[in-house]
Amino acid sequence: MTSLLIRNGIIIDPSQSLETPGDLLIQDGKIAAIGTDLKAEEAEIFDATNLIVAPGFIDLHVHLREPGFEYKETIESGARAAVAGGFTSVCCMPNTKPINDNSSVTSFIVEKARAAGLANVFPIGAITQGSKGEQLAEIGEMKRAGIVGISDDGKPVCDAQMMRRAMEYAKDFDLPVIDHCEDCCLAPGWAMHEGEYSARLGLKGLSGAAEDLQVSRDIQLADLTGAHVHIAHISTAKSVEFVRQAKRQGLRVTCEITPHHFTLTDAAIYERGYDTNCKMAPPLRSQADLEACLEGLRDGTIDAIATDHAPHHANEKAYEFDQSPNGIIGLETAVSLTLDRLVHRGVISLARMIELLSCNPARLFKLNRGTLQVGAVADVTIFDPQKQIKVDSTRFQSKSRNMPFDGWELTGSPIATVVNGQIVWRQ
């Protein structure tokens, strides 16, 4: 039996409505006790004075690229970036090569993650075979192999009948349907958000309506089927309001937001001169959209913060703006951005932050994590809300560097990450 005693921390666990100074004892990979002046023979001691001790953070939306795109990221390097960013668990999207649309690919991901021995990795399976939107993937077999949800992320399911069938099957297997909401027909070949700055820059824009239409459709299908629909990387004011109304109706509709969508707007592309590290899908939106997203975080409409960690090689991001691939990395900046831009600016409390990054993600995808209750799996994130940092991508664990926050000075940082009772990373 191995023991870890985290002493003198501020323990915050919204799953138990707990916020108290004290010690946390971990034995044999499980939470053994919470209290003051705890003792344990031969336990490893971690001094958490002035630090927050929270249930392990969970990222519901990452791209680990393996199999097929290992030059961008591997399961091991992505898991290492996760724990360095304070995440004990990640859910990886299926747009690999081959697509994770069958149990063989799912099993491969599970085994590679187990061998890495870092963050827990929960695969997301494809909705359709090859993510082509034509035939349903092997959902039942993938569920048995370990998937925790289904998505064709990056390739929206535009056929409403196909999405209805996917929801009906997913409901039978008790899986969430995670949708990248974008009407494919509204603005093919877009490069950024449609608005003042796309006009100034001469780039083809994508209207917020492309997201709003798909979110509205998915909500209606959730009402029809009774399935759990999870809206990925929500970014527009109307979409947030649609989700708010769906929740009031008691529908099984949830959503997530990325740090870049509550931090930046489309003005950043103009101000930075076509910086491709500001190019993502959905695109950075308007200031009005950002303000609506902040309100959604305040009032509970938005359920989770997820990074949409999307590694790309520097050569690919060096293409002209409209030819560059969408996406940025986010695992190693998310906690600091959330603390700096949300907690310290009074948008949300520390407890709400932990709810968004841990308790809610675990509940939404049924991950048996997100709590410090005695007997629970000992996944713990320890962070310092006051530590001053300067983002330096050259020190990142990810294989890629594509993100717009390099050089930013932020307040708040992860300090240590505990997975299954073991400290797998410390600053």
Protein backbone atom coordinates (compact mmCIF):
# COMPACT_ATOMS: atom_id res chain seq x y z
CA MET A 1 0.00 0.00 0.00
CA THR A 2 1.30 3.45 -0.93
CA SER A 3 0.30 6.62 0.90
CA LEU A 4 0.36 10.31 0.07
CA LEU A 5 -0.49 12.99 2.63
CA ILE A 6 -1.28 16.43 1.24
CA ARG A 7 -0.96 18.79 4.19
CA ASN A 8 -2.21 22.28 5.00
CA GLY A 9 -4.07 22.92 1.76
CA ILE A 10 -7.38 24.65 1.11
CA ILE A 11 -9.60 21.77 0.04
CA ILE A 12 -12.41 22.76 -2.32
CA ASP A 13 -14.77 20.08 -3.59
CA PRO A 14 -18.12 21.28 -4.99
CA SER A 15 -19.33 17.67 -5.21
CA GLN A 16 -19.51 17.71 -1.41
CA SER A 17 -20.11 21.47 -0.97
CA LEU A 18 -16.76 21.39 0.79
CA GLU A 19 -14.40 24.32 1.25
CA THR A 20 -12.08 23.96 4.22
CA PRO A 21 -8.42 24.17 5.23
CA GLY A 22 -6.94 20.80 6.09
CA ASP A 23 -5.16 17.65 5.02
CA LEU A 24 -6.00 15.04 2.41
CA LEU A 25 -4.82 11.46 2.91
CA ILE A 26 -4.52 9.10 -0.05
CA GLN A 27 -3.91 5.38 0.40
CA ASP A 28 -3.61 2.74 -2.30
CA GLY A 29 -4.91 5.06 -5.00
CA LYS A 30 -8.06 6.10 -3.11
CA ILE A 31 -9.11 9.05 -0.99
CA ALA A 32 -8.73 7.79 2.59
CA ALA A 33 -9.53 10.81 4.76
CA ILE A 34 -10.01 14.57 4.88
CA GLY A 35 -9.29 16.34 8.17
CA THR A 36 -6.76 18.27 10.22
CA ASP A 37 -3.46 17.00 11.59
CA LEU A 38 -3.86 13.68 9.79
CA LYS A 39 -1.13 11.08 10.36
CA ALA A 40 0.08 8.24 8.18
CA GLU A 41 3.15 6.10 8.68
CA GLU A 42 5.64 6.12 5.80
CA ALA A 43 3.42 8.40 3.72
CA GLU A 44 4.92 10.75 1.15
CA ILE A 45 4.26 14.31 2.36
CA PHE A 46 3.25 17.16 0.06
CA ASP A 47 3.08 20.60 1.66
CA ALA A 48 0.11 22.45 0.13
CA THR A 49 0.29 25.57 2.30
CA ASN A 50 -1.56 28.43 0.55
CA LEU A 51 -2.50 26.08 -2.30
CA ILE A 52 -5.91 24.87 -3.50
CA VAL A 53 -6.48 21.11 -3.40
CA ALA A 54 -9.27 20.11 -5.80
CA PRO A 55 -10.73 17.04 -7.50
CA GLY A 56 -8.64 16.26 -10.58
CA PHE A 57 -9.37 18.49 -13.57
CA ILE A 58 -10.90 16.83 -16.64
CA ASP A 59 -10.68 18.07 -20.22
CA LEU A 60 -13.65 16.82 -22.23
CA HIS A 61 -12.23 17.82 -25.61
CA VAL A 62 -8.67 17.19 -26.81
CA HIS A 63 -7.02 15.98 -30.00
CA LEU A 64 -4.13 13.63 -29.27
CA ARG A 65 -3.51 12.96 -33.00
CA GLU A 66 -2.35 9.37 -32.54
CA PRO A 67 -2.75 7.17 -34.55
CA GLY A 68 -1.78 8.81 -37.81
CA PHE A 69 -0.46 12.27 -36.97
CA GLU A 70 2.26 11.55 -34.45
CA TYR A 71 4.41 14.40 -35.79
CA LYS A 72 1.86 16.79 -34.22
CA GLU A 73 1.21 14.95 -30.95
CA THR A 74 1.21 11.47 -29.51
CA ILE A 75 -0.92 9.97 -26.78
CA GLU A 76 2.10 10.07 -24.47
CA SER A 77 3.11 13.68 -25.25
CA GLY A 78 -0.51 14.82 -25.03
CA ALA A 79 -0.96 13.06 -21.69
CA ARG A 80 2.27 14.67 -20.47
CA ALA A 81 0.98 18.09 -21.54
CA ALA A 82 -2.27 17.33 -19.73
CA VAL A 83 -0.69 16.59 -16.36
CA ALA A 84 1.67 19.57 -16.75
CA GLY A 85 -1.45 21.68 -17.21
CA GLY A 86 -3.15 20.28 -14.12
CA PHE A 87 -5.44 17.81 -15.91
CA THR A 88 -5.75 14.30 -14.52
CA SER A 89 -8.06 13.08 -17.30
CA VAL A 90 -8.71 13.94 -20.95
CA CYS A 91 -11.29 12.80 -23.50
CA CYS A 92 -9.75 12.47 -26.96
CA MET A 93 -11.63 13.10 -30.19
CA PRO A 94 -11.79 10.49 -32.95
CA ASN A 95 -10.37 12.42 -35.93
CA THR A 96 -7.20 10.36 -36.10
CA LYS A 97 -5.96 8.26 -39.04
CA PRO A 98 -7.61 5.83 -39.08
CA ILE A 99 -10.70 7.41 -37.56
CA ASN A 100 -11.68 5.97 -34.18
CA ASP A 101 -14.87 4.41 -35.57
CA ASN A 102 -14.30 0.83 -34.40
CA SER A 103 -13.23 -1.10 -31.32
CA SER A 104 -9.72 -1.82 -32.63
CA VAL A 105 -8.75 1.85 -32.75
CA THR A 106 -10.46 2.45 -29.39
CA SER A 107 -8.49 -0.38 -27.79
CA PHE A 108 -5.25 0.93 -29.31
CA ILE A 109 -5.81 4.34 -27.68
CA VAL A 110 -6.69 2.81 -24.32
CA GLU A 111 -3.57 0.62 -24.31
CA LYS A 112 -1.23 3.42 -25.38
CA ALA A 113 -2.59 5.65 -22.62
CA ARG A 114 -2.20 2.89 -20.04
CA ALA A 115 1.40 2.35 -21.10
CA ALA A 116 2.15 6.08 -20.78
CA GLY A 117 1.00 6.02 -17.15
CA LEU A 118 0.22 9.74 -16.99
CA ALA A 119 -3.26 11.22 -17.40
CA ASN A 120 -6.34 9.05 -17.73
CA VAL A 121 -7.37 9.02 -21.40
CA PHE A 122 -11.02 8.39 -22.29
CA PRO A 123 -11.62 7.94 -26.04
CA ILE A 124 -14.53 9.52 -27.90
CA GLY A 125 -15.79 7.36 -30.78
CA ALA A 126 -16.95 8.59 -34.17
CA ILE A 127 -20.65 9.00 -34.86
CA THR A 128 -20.36 7.79 -38.45
CA GLN A 129 -17.97 5.49 -40.28
CA GLY A 130 -14.93 7.48 -41.32
CA SER A 131 -16.76 10.57 -39.99
CA LYS A 132 -18.29 10.81 -43.47
CA GLY A 133 -21.84 11.29 -42.23
CA GLU A 134 -23.20 8.36 -44.24
CA GLN A 135 -23.41 5.29 -41.98
CA LEU A 136 -23.33 4.93 -38.22
CA ALA A 137 -20.09 3.70 -36.69
CA GLU A 138 -19.84 0.59 -34.49
CA ILE A 139 -21.12 2.40 -31.41
CA GLY A 140 -21.86 -0.65 -29.27
CA GLU A 141 -18.49 -2.30 -29.91
CA MET A 142 -16.66 0.95 -29.20
CA LYS A 143 -18.60 1.38 -25.95
CA ARG A 144 -17.43 -2.05 -24.83
CA ALA A 145 -13.85 -1.11 -25.77
CA GLY A 146 -13.95 2.07 -23.70
CA ILE A 147 -15.47 5.11 -25.42
CA VAL A 148 -17.37 7.59 -23.24
CA GLY A 149 -19.18 9.52 -25.98
CA ILE A 150 -19.55 9.86 -29.75
CA SER A 151 -18.67 12.76 -32.04
CA ASP A 152 -17.64 13.54 -35.60
CA ASP A 153 -15.83 16.60 -34.27
CA GLY A 154 -14.31 18.67 -37.03
CA LYS A 155 -16.84 17.27 -39.50
CA PRO A 156 -20.34 18.35 -38.43
CA VAL A 157 -23.16 15.86 -38.94
CA CYS A 158 -25.22 17.94 -41.35
CA ASP A 159 -27.86 15.28 -42.10
CA ALA A 160 -30.61 15.69 -39.49
CA GLN A 161 -31.93 12.16 -40.00
CA MET A 162 -28.44 10.73 -39.43
CA MET A 163 -28.10 12.78 -36.26
CA ARG A 164 -31.50 11.59 -35.05
CA ARG A 165 -30.47 7.97 -35.55
CA ALA A 166 -27.18 8.63 -33.77
CA MET A 167 -29.03 10.10 -30.81
CA GLU A 168 -31.39 7.14 -30.62
CA TYR A 169 -28.50 4.67 -30.63
CA ALA A 170 -26.47 6.74 -28.19
CA LYS A 171 -29.40 6.85 -25.79
CA ASP A 172 -29.59 3.05 -25.84
CA PHE A 173 -25.89 2.88 -24.93
CA ASP A 174 -26.13 5.72 -22.39
CA LEU A 175 -23.58 7.85 -24.26
CA PRO A 176 -23.59 11.60 -24.91
CA VAL A 177 -23.65 12.84 -28.50
CA ILE A 178 -21.04 15.60 -28.83
CA ASP A 179 -21.62 17.87 -31.81
CA HIS A 180 -19.38 20.37 -33.55
CA CYS A 181 -22.21 22.71 -34.48
CA GLU A 182 -21.62 24.27 -37.88
CA ASP A 183 -23.97 24.42 -40.84
CA CYS A 184 -21.64 23.18 -43.59
CA CYS A 185 -23.66 24.78 -46.38
CA LEU A 186 -23.80 28.32 -45.01
CA ALA A 187 -20.22 29.43 -45.67
CA PRO A 188 -17.90 26.79 -47.17
CA GLY A 189 -14.27 27.83 -47.24
CA TRP A 190 -14.54 30.37 -44.43
CA ALA A 191 -11.45 31.68 -42.66
CA MET A 192 -12.77 33.64 -39.65
CA HIS A 193 -15.91 35.07 -38.03
CA GLU A 194 -18.08 37.12 -40.36
CA GLY A 195 -18.14 40.73 -39.22
CA GLU A 196 -16.28 44.01 -39.20
CA TYR A 197 -12.83 42.47 -39.03
CA SER A 198 -13.35 39.88 -41.77
CA ALA A 199 -14.41 42.78 -44.02
CA ARG A 200 -11.33 44.81 -43.06
CA LEU A 201 -9.01 41.88 -43.65
CA GLY A 202 -10.66 40.68 -46.85
CA LEU A 203 -11.20 37.16 -45.48
CA LYS A 204 -14.27 35.01 -46.02
CA GLY A 205 -16.33 34.97 -42.85
CA LEU A 206 -18.50 32.41 -41.10
CA SER A 207 -21.66 33.87 -39.62
CA GLY A 208 -22.59 32.98 -36.06
CA ALA A 209 -25.85 31.73 -37.60
CA ALA A 210 -23.97 28.65 -38.85
CA GLU A 211 -23.51 27.57 -35.24
CA ASP A 212 -26.92 28.78 -34.07
CA LEU A 213 -28.83 26.78 -36.68
CA GLN A 214 -27.09 23.53 -35.77
CA VAL A 215 -27.46 24.10 -32.02
CA SER A 216 -31.17 24.77 -32.47
CA ARG A 217 -31.55 21.62 -34.58
CA ASP A 218 -29.71 19.46 -32.05
CA ILE A 219 -31.85 20.78 -29.22
CA GLN A 220 -35.02 19.89 -31.12
CA LEU A 221 -33.64 16.41 -31.83
CA ALA A 222 -32.75 16.02 -28.15
CA ASP A 223 -36.35 16.86 -27.34
CA LEU A 224 -37.55 14.31 -29.90
CA THR A 225 -35.25 11.46 -28.85
CA GLY A 226 -34.60 12.08 -25.17
CA ALA A 227 -30.86 11.72 -25.81
CA HIS A 228 -28.07 13.64 -24.10
CA VAL A 229 -26.65 16.20 -26.53
CA HIS A 230 -23.46 18.01 -25.62
CA ILE A 231 -22.60 21.13 -27.64
CA ALA A 232 -18.85 21.34 -28.20
CA HIS A 233 -16.93 24.65 -27.95
CA ILE A 234 -19.97 26.96 -27.82
CA SER A 235 -19.12 30.45 -29.07
CA THR A 236 -22.15 32.61 -29.95
CA ALA A 237 -24.65 34.61 -27.94
CA LYS A 238 -27.67 32.97 -29.56
CA SER A 239 -26.33 29.46 -29.02
CA VAL A 240 -25.82 30.18 -25.33
CA GLU A 241 -29.41 31.43 -25.12
CA PHE A 242 -30.71 28.35 -26.96
CA VAL A 243 -28.96 26.09 -24.44
CA ARG A 244 -30.27 28.21 -21.55
CA GLN A 245 -33.85 27.77 -22.79
CA ALA A 246 -33.34 24.03 -23.37
CA LYS A 247 -32.20 23.59 -19.78
CA ARG A 248 -35.27 25.47 -18.55
CA GLN A 249 -37.38 22.98 -20.48
CA GLY A 250 -35.61 20.09 -18.75
CA LEU A 251 -33.94 18.75 -21.89
CA ARG A 252 -30.70 16.75 -21.70
CA VAL A 253 -28.62 19.48 -23.33
CA THR A 254 -25.20 20.52 -22.05
CA CYS A 255 -22.29 22.52 -23.44
CA GLU A 256 -18.65 23.44 -23.02
CA ILE A 257 -16.57 26.53 -23.76
CA THR A 258 -12.86 26.91 -24.54
CA PRO A 259 -10.51 29.39 -22.87
CA HIS A 260 -9.80 31.08 -26.19
CA HIS A 261 -13.51 31.79 -26.70
CA PHE A 262 -13.85 33.49 -23.32
CA THR A 263 -10.52 35.32 -23.71
CA LEU A 264 -10.15 36.55 -27.31
CA THR A 265 -12.34 38.01 -30.06
CA ASP A 266 -11.99 38.30 -33.83
CA ALA A 267 -10.27 41.65 -33.26
CA ALA A 268 -7.13 39.67 -32.32
CA ILE A 269 -6.68 38.54 -35.93
CA TYR A 270 -6.78 42.14 -37.12
CA GLU A 271 -4.52 43.42 -34.35
CA ARG A 272 -1.96 40.63 -34.80
CA GLY A 273 -1.86 40.88 -38.59
CA TYR A 274 -3.28 37.58 -39.84
CA ASP A 275 -1.74 35.53 -37.01
CA THR A 276 -2.71 31.93 -37.78
CA ASN A 277 -2.40 31.10 -34.08
CA CYS A 278 -5.73 32.91 -33.78
CA LYS A 279 -7.40 30.66 -36.37
CA MET A 280 -9.69 27.97 -35.00
CA ALA A 281 -13.09 26.34 -35.49
CA PRO A 282 -15.43 27.76 -34.39
CA PRO A 283 -13.67 31.04 -35.11
CA LEU A 284 -13.00 33.73 -32.55
CA ARG A 285 -16.28 35.65 -32.31
CA SER A 286 -17.36 39.23 -31.58
CA GLN A 287 -17.11 41.07 -28.28
CA ALA A 288 -20.89 40.73 -27.86
CA ASP A 289 -20.60 36.95 -28.24
CA LEU A 290 -17.79 36.84 -25.69
CA GLU A 291 -19.84 38.83 -23.17
CA ALA A 292 -22.78 36.45 -23.64
CA CYS A 293 -20.48 33.49 -23.02
CA LEU A 294 -19.23 35.09 -19.81
CA GLU A 295 -22.84 35.44 -18.67
CA GLY A 296 -23.39 31.78 -19.51
CA LEU A 297 -20.45 30.90 -17.28
CA ARG A 298 -21.85 33.06 -14.48
CA ASP A 299 -25.40 31.73 -14.50
CA GLY A 300 -24.67 28.02 -14.99
CA THR A 301 -25.79 27.71 -18.62
CA ILE A 302 -22.30 26.58 -19.63
CA ASP A 303 -21.42 23.28 -17.97
CA ALA A 304 -17.71 22.84 -18.57
CA ILE A 305 -14.46 24.41 -19.70
CA ALA A 306 -12.64 22.30 -22.30
CA THR A 307 -9.51 23.20 -24.24
CA ASP A 308 -10.13 21.74 -27.73
CA HIS A 309 -6.37 21.13 -27.61
CA ALA A 310 -5.48 20.91 -31.32
CA PRO A 311 -1.76 20.50 -32.05
CA HIS A 312 -0.39 21.43 -35.49
CA HIS A 313 3.16 21.48 -36.83
CA ALA A 314 4.75 24.92 -37.19
CA ASN A 315 5.11 24.43 -40.95
CA GLU A 316 1.35 23.96 -41.30
CA LYS A 317 0.54 27.06 -39.27
CA ALA A 318 2.99 29.00 -41.49
CA TYR A 319 0.60 28.77 -44.45
CA GLU A 320 -1.40 31.82 -45.53
CA PHE A 321 -4.24 32.52 -43.12
CA ASP A 322 -7.06 31.05 -45.21
CA GLN A 323 -5.00 27.91 -45.94
CA SER A 324 -3.74 27.31 -42.42
CA PRO A 325 -5.39 24.52 -40.39
CA ASN A 326 -7.80 25.44 -37.60
CA GLY A 327 -6.90 24.93 -33.98
CA ILE A 328 -4.58 25.79 -31.11
CA ILE A 329 -3.07 23.91 -28.21
CA GLY A 330 -4.55 24.59 -24.78
CA LEU A 331 -3.75 21.97 -22.15
CA GLU A 332 -0.89 23.92 -20.58
CA THR A 333 -2.55 27.35 -20.49
CA ALA A 334 -6.19 26.59 -19.60
CA VAL A 335 -5.93 26.65 -15.81
CA SER A 336 -3.95 29.90 -15.75
CA LEU A 337 -6.27 31.59 -18.24
CA THR A 338 -9.32 30.50 -16.25
CA LEU A 339 -7.88 31.84 -13.01
CA ASP A 340 -6.63 35.08 -14.55
CA ARG A 341 -9.56 35.94 -16.82
CA LEU A 342 -12.50 34.48 -14.90
CA VAL A 343 -11.72 34.06 -11.19
CA HIS A 344 -9.55 37.13 -10.58
CA ARG A 345 -11.88 39.34 -12.62
CA GLY A 346 -14.89 38.26 -10.58
CA VAL A 347 -16.72 36.39 -13.34
CA ILE A 348 -16.82 33.12 -11.35
CA SER A 349 -15.70 31.86 -7.95
CA LEU A 350 -12.97 29.30 -7.27
CA ALA A 351 -15.64 26.72 -6.45
CA ARG A 352 -17.42 27.40 -9.74
CA MET A 353 -14.11 27.06 -11.59
CA ILE A 354 -13.55 23.62 -10.04
CA GLU A 355 -17.11 22.66 -10.90
CA LEU A 356 -16.49 23.63 -14.55
CA LEU A 357 -13.15 21.83 -14.78
CA SER A 358 -13.78 18.75 -12.66
CA CYS A 359 -17.12 17.90 -11.09
CA ASN A 360 -19.30 18.74 -14.08
CA PRO A 361 -17.11 17.08 -16.73
CA ALA A 362 -17.03 13.88 -14.68
CA ARG A 363 -20.80 13.93 -14.26
CA LEU A 364 -21.59 14.75 -17.89
CA PHE A 365 -19.56 11.89 -19.35
CA LYS A 366 -20.01 9.50 -16.38
CA LEU A 367 -16.28 9.20 -15.72
CA ASN A 368 -16.34 8.12 -12.04
CA ARG A 369 -14.04 11.03 -11.20
CA GLY A 370 -14.48 14.65 -10.13
CA THR A 371 -14.80 14.18 -6.36
CA LEU A 372 -12.66 13.92 -3.23
CA GLN A 373 -15.17 11.79 -1.35
CA VAL A 374 -13.63 9.10 0.82
CA GLY A 375 -13.25 5.94 -1.27
CA ALA A 376 -13.10 7.80 -4.59
CA VAL A 377 -10.26 7.41 -7.08
CA ALA A 378 -7.48 9.72 -5.94
CA ASP A 379 -7.20 12.12 -8.86
CA VAL A 380 -6.22 15.52 -7.47
CA THR A 381 -5.20 18.87 -8.93
CA ILE A 382 -3.19 21.23 -6.71
CA PHE A 383 -2.88 24.83 -7.88
CA ASP A 384 -1.78 28.26 -6.69
CA PRO A 385 -4.34 30.93 -7.61
CA GLN A 386 -1.84 33.73 -6.88
CA LYS A 387 1.32 32.48 -8.61
CA GLN A 388 2.56 34.86 -11.31
CA ILE A 389 3.63 33.17 -14.53
CA LYS A 390 4.73 34.12 -18.02
CA VAL A 391 3.58 31.74 -20.73
CA ASP A 392 6.60 30.20 -22.45
CA SER A 393 5.73 27.65 -25.12
CA THR A 394 9.36 26.54 -25.43
CA ARG A 395 8.93 24.82 -22.07
CA PHE A 396 5.70 23.03 -22.98
CA GLN A 397 5.35 19.26 -22.90
CA SER A 398 3.20 19.20 -26.04
CA LYS A 399 5.00 18.50 -29.31
CA SER A 400 3.34 21.56 -30.88
CA ARG A 401 3.48 25.28 -30.09
CA ASN A 402 0.52 26.74 -31.98
CA MET A 403 -1.31 29.13 -29.65
CA PRO A 404 -1.74 32.90 -29.25
CA PHE A 405 -0.85 33.25 -25.56
CA ASP A 406 2.95 33.05 -25.74
CA GLY A 407 4.48 35.74 -23.55
CA TRP A 408 1.26 36.51 -21.67
CA GLU A 409 1.68 37.27 -17.98
CA LEU A 410 -1.02 35.54 -15.95
CA THR A 411 -1.96 35.09 -12.31
CA GLY A 412 -2.55 31.48 -11.24
CA SER A 413 -0.89 28.20 -12.08
CA PRO A 414 -1.12 24.43 -11.52
CA ILE A 415 1.45 23.19 -9.03
CA ALA A 416 1.05 19.40 -8.92
CA THR A 417 -1.07 16.68 -10.49
CA VAL A 418 -2.00 13.44 -8.76
CA VAL A 419 -3.40 10.55 -10.82
CA ASN A 420 -4.58 7.35 -9.14
CA GLY A 421 -2.81 8.38 -5.95
CA GLN A 422 0.58 9.08 -7.55
CA ILE A 423 2.17 12.49 -8.14
CA VAL A 424 2.77 12.36 -11.90
CA TRP A 425 3.83 16.01 -12.27
CA ARG A 426 4.93 18.87 -10.03
CA GLN A 427 6.10 22.34 -10.92
